[in-house]
Amino acid sequence: MIHGSIITYLVSHIRKTESSDSIATHNDLRGSASISQESNAILFIRGNKEGHYIDIDLSRMSRSKLNLPIIFDGPTGVITDDMNRDVMHLGEPIPDEVFDKEININKE
């Protein structure tokens, strides 16, 4: 139960990354360092040759970067999971067993 909490969404531009293959981090937020310092999590939506991703950067915790593959339907704006590609953590695929374990824990 949460009392007195306010969830705030802030949209911000990022600096141009070094290369088109670079993945943005909280350090790339443009305009204010306080955004990354005060936020619990930062979500980036990006696309490349392989498809679209939502990158989650937990800015207060070191080395906590997830890359979630998504399917983005531009005309409708609908975002769904892309089950054909791996969820990545720091460039390494996360085994399916991790997700299966989490699902079983939540069912108990």
C-alpha atoms as a PDB file:
ATOM      1  CA  MET A   1       0.000   0.000   0.000  1.00  0.00           C
ATOM      2  CA  ILE A   2       1.420   3.377  -1.006  1.00  0.00           C
ATOM      3  CA  HIS A   3       0.414   6.565   0.774  1.00  0.00           C
ATOM      4  CA  GLY A   4       1.211  10.062  -0.440  1.00  0.00           C
ATOM      5  CA  SER A   5       3.332   9.000  -3.419  1.00  0.00           C
ATOM      6  CA  ILE A   6       3.145  10.806  -6.714  1.00  0.00           C
ATOM      7  CA  ILE A   7       4.198   9.138  -9.930  1.00  0.00           C
ATOM      8  CA  THR A   8       5.643  11.620 -12.387  1.00  0.00           C
ATOM      9  CA  TYR A   9       6.438  11.011 -16.041  1.00  0.00           C
ATOM     10  CA  LEU A  10       8.876  13.403 -17.675  1.00  0.00           C
ATOM     11  CA  VAL A  11       9.735  13.369 -21.360  1.00  0.00           C
ATOM     12  CA  SER A  12      13.211  14.556 -22.282  1.00  0.00           C
ATOM     13  CA  HIS A  13      15.507  14.614 -25.292  1.00  0.00           C
ATOM     14  CA  ILE A  14      18.870  12.901 -25.145  1.00  0.00           C
ATOM     15  CA  ARG A  15      22.256  13.971 -26.417  1.00  0.00           C
ATOM     16  CA  LYS A  16      23.444  12.480 -29.660  1.00  0.00           C
ATOM     17  CA  THR A  17      25.183   9.192 -28.871  1.00  0.00           C
ATOM     18  CA  GLU A  18      28.662   8.395 -30.146  1.00  0.00           C
ATOM     19  CA  SER A  19      27.398   5.955 -32.765  1.00  0.00           C
ATOM     20  CA  SER A  20      24.046   4.816 -34.078  1.00  0.00           C
ATOM     21  CA  ASP A  21      24.537   1.464 -32.313  1.00  0.00           C
ATOM     22  CA  SER A  22      25.131   3.062 -28.892  1.00  0.00           C
ATOM     23  CA  ILE A  23      22.501   2.578 -26.227  1.00  0.00           C
ATOM     24  CA  ALA A  24      21.577   5.730 -24.317  1.00  0.00           C
ATOM     25  CA  THR A  25      21.940   5.849 -20.529  1.00  0.00           C
ATOM     26  CA  HIS A  26      20.795   8.269 -17.852  1.00  0.00           C
ATOM     27  CA  ASN A  27      24.023  10.203 -18.502  1.00  0.00           C
ATOM     28  CA  ASP A  28      22.741  11.084 -21.991  1.00  0.00           C
ATOM     29  CA  LEU A  29      19.667  12.991 -20.796  1.00  0.00           C
ATOM     30  CA  ARG A  30      19.875  16.477 -22.197  1.00  0.00           C
ATOM     31  CA  GLY A  31      19.381  19.642 -20.217  1.00  0.00           C
ATOM     32  CA  SER A  32      19.552  18.627 -16.594  1.00  0.00           C
ATOM     33  CA  ALA A  33      21.618  16.204 -14.552  1.00  0.00           C
ATOM     34  CA  SER A  34      18.977  16.399 -11.827  1.00  0.00           C
ATOM     35  CA  ILE A  35      16.587  14.291 -13.928  1.00  0.00           C
ATOM     36  CA  SER A  36      18.825  11.263 -13.641  1.00  0.00           C
ATOM     37  CA  GLN A  37      19.742  11.985 -10.029  1.00  0.00           C
ATOM     38  CA  GLU A  38      16.148  12.249  -8.812  1.00  0.00           C
ATOM     39  CA  SER A  39      14.524   9.475 -10.824  1.00  0.00           C
ATOM     40  CA  ASN A  40      14.060   5.872  -9.737  1.00  0.00           C
ATOM     41  CA  ALA A  41      13.982   4.517 -13.280  1.00  0.00           C
ATOM     42  CA  ILE A  42      14.460   5.920 -16.752  1.00  0.00           C
ATOM     43  CA  LEU A  43      12.875   4.303 -19.810  1.00  0.00           C
ATOM     44  CA  PHE A  44      14.229   4.869 -23.299  1.00  0.00           C
ATOM     45  CA  ILE A  45      12.390   3.758 -26.430  1.00  0.00           C
ATOM     46  CA  ARG A  46      14.700   3.111 -29.363  1.00  0.00           C
ATOM     47  CA  GLY A  47      14.697   1.390 -32.704  1.00  0.00           C
ATOM     48  CA  ASN A  48      17.432  -0.162 -34.812  1.00  0.00           C
ATOM     49  CA  LYS A  49      17.776  -2.668 -37.674  1.00  0.00           C
ATOM     50  CA  GLU A  50      16.675  -5.555 -35.425  1.00  0.00           C
ATOM     51  CA  GLY A  51      13.508  -3.853 -34.176  1.00  0.00           C
ATOM     52  CA  HIS A  52      12.367  -1.678 -31.287  1.00  0.00           C
ATOM     53  CA  TYR A  53      13.381  -1.854 -27.627  1.00  0.00           C
ATOM     54  CA  ILE A  54      12.472  -0.356 -24.302  1.00  0.00           C
ATOM     55  CA  ASP A  55      15.670   0.184 -22.333  1.00  0.00           C
ATOM     56  CA  ILE A  56      15.271   0.447 -18.564  1.00  0.00           C
ATOM     57  CA  ASP A  57      18.008   2.246 -16.673  1.00  0.00           C
ATOM     58  CA  LEU A  58      17.673   2.129 -12.888  1.00  0.00           C
ATOM     59  CA  SER A  59      19.752   5.226 -12.386  1.00  0.00           C
ATOM     60  CA  ARG A  60      20.304   4.931  -8.647  1.00  0.00           C
ATOM     61  CA  MET A  61      21.652   1.387  -8.904  1.00  0.00           C
ATOM     62  CA  SER A  62      24.883   0.716 -10.732  1.00  0.00           C
ATOM     63  CA  ARG A  63      24.982  -1.713 -13.660  1.00  0.00           C
ATOM     64  CA  SER A  64      21.227  -2.231 -13.871  1.00  0.00           C
ATOM     65  CA  LYS A  65      20.408  -1.971 -17.563  1.00  0.00           C
ATOM     66  CA  LEU A  66      17.650  -4.054 -19.195  1.00  0.00           C
ATOM     67  CA  ASN A  67      16.790  -4.115 -22.900  1.00  0.00           C
ATOM     68  CA  LEU A  68      13.264  -5.387 -23.596  1.00  0.00           C
ATOM     69  CA  PRO A  69      12.420  -6.229 -27.216  1.00  0.00           C
ATOM     70  CA  ILE A  70       9.049  -4.893 -28.325  1.00  0.00           C
ATOM     71  CA  ILE A  71       6.892  -4.756 -31.414  1.00  0.00           C
ATOM     72  CA  PHE A  72       5.704  -1.223 -32.122  1.00  0.00           C
ATOM     73  CA  ASP A  73       2.791  -0.684 -34.479  1.00  0.00           C
ATOM     74  CA  GLY A  74       3.196   2.909 -35.621  1.00  0.00           C
ATOM     75  CA  PRO A  75      -0.294   3.501 -37.068  1.00  0.00           C
ATOM     76  CA  THR A  76      -2.085   2.289 -33.915  1.00  0.00           C
ATOM     77  CA  GLY A  77       0.598   3.112 -31.321  1.00  0.00           C
ATOM     78  CA  VAL A  78       0.260  -0.372 -29.806  1.00  0.00           C
ATOM     79  CA  ILE A  79       3.349  -1.841 -28.110  1.00  0.00           C
ATOM     80  CA  THR A  80       3.566  -5.608 -27.466  1.00  0.00           C
ATOM     81  CA  ASP A  81       6.275  -8.016 -26.302  1.00  0.00           C
ATOM     82  CA  ASP A  82       8.516  -9.469 -29.001  1.00  0.00           C
ATOM     83  CA  MET A  83       8.809 -13.048 -27.770  1.00  0.00           C
ATOM     84  CA  ASN A  84      11.129 -13.974 -30.660  1.00  0.00           C
ATOM     85  CA  ARG A  85      14.043 -11.911 -29.290  1.00  0.00           C
ATOM     86  CA  ASP A  86      15.886 -12.179 -25.961  1.00  0.00           C
ATOM     87  CA  VAL A  87      15.598  -9.781 -23.063  1.00  0.00           C
ATOM     88  CA  MET A  88      19.127  -8.521 -22.456  1.00  0.00           C
ATOM     89  CA  HIS A  89      20.938  -7.394 -19.307  1.00  0.00           C
ATOM     90  CA  LEU A  90      24.212  -5.556 -19.912  1.00  0.00           C
ATOM     91  CA  GLY A  91      24.462  -7.074 -23.378  1.00  0.00           C
ATOM     92  CA  GLU A  92      23.899 -10.680 -22.235  1.00  0.00           C
ATOM     93  CA  PRO A  93      20.657 -12.624 -22.813  1.00  0.00           C
ATOM     94  CA  ILE A  94      18.604 -13.442 -19.729  1.00  0.00           C
ATOM     95  CA  PRO A  95      17.719 -17.177 -19.700  1.00  0.00           C
ATOM     96  CA  ASP A  96      14.027 -18.069 -19.913  1.00  0.00           C
ATOM     97  CA  GLU A  97      14.380 -20.007 -16.636  1.00  0.00           C
ATOM     98  CA  VAL A  98      14.722 -16.692 -14.771  1.00  0.00           C
ATOM     99  CA  PHE A  99      11.317 -15.560 -16.010  1.00  0.00           C
ATOM    100  CA  ASP A 100       9.747 -18.977 -15.372  1.00  0.00           C
ATOM    101  CA  LYS A 101      11.005 -18.861 -11.765  1.00  0.00           C
ATOM    102  CA  GLU A 102       9.565 -15.363 -11.243  1.00  0.00           C
ATOM    103  CA  ILE A 103       6.185 -16.435 -12.627  1.00  0.00           C
ATOM    104  CA  ASN A 104       6.057 -19.464 -10.298  1.00  0.00           C
ATOM    105  CA  ILE A 105       6.989 -17.336  -7.264  1.00  0.00           C
ATOM    106  CA  ASN A 106       4.154 -14.912  -8.009  1.00  0.00           C
ATOM    107  CA  LYS A 107       1.609 -17.754  -8.308  1.00  0.00           C
ATOM    108  CA  GLU A 108       2.360 -19.109  -4.802  1.00  0.00           C
END
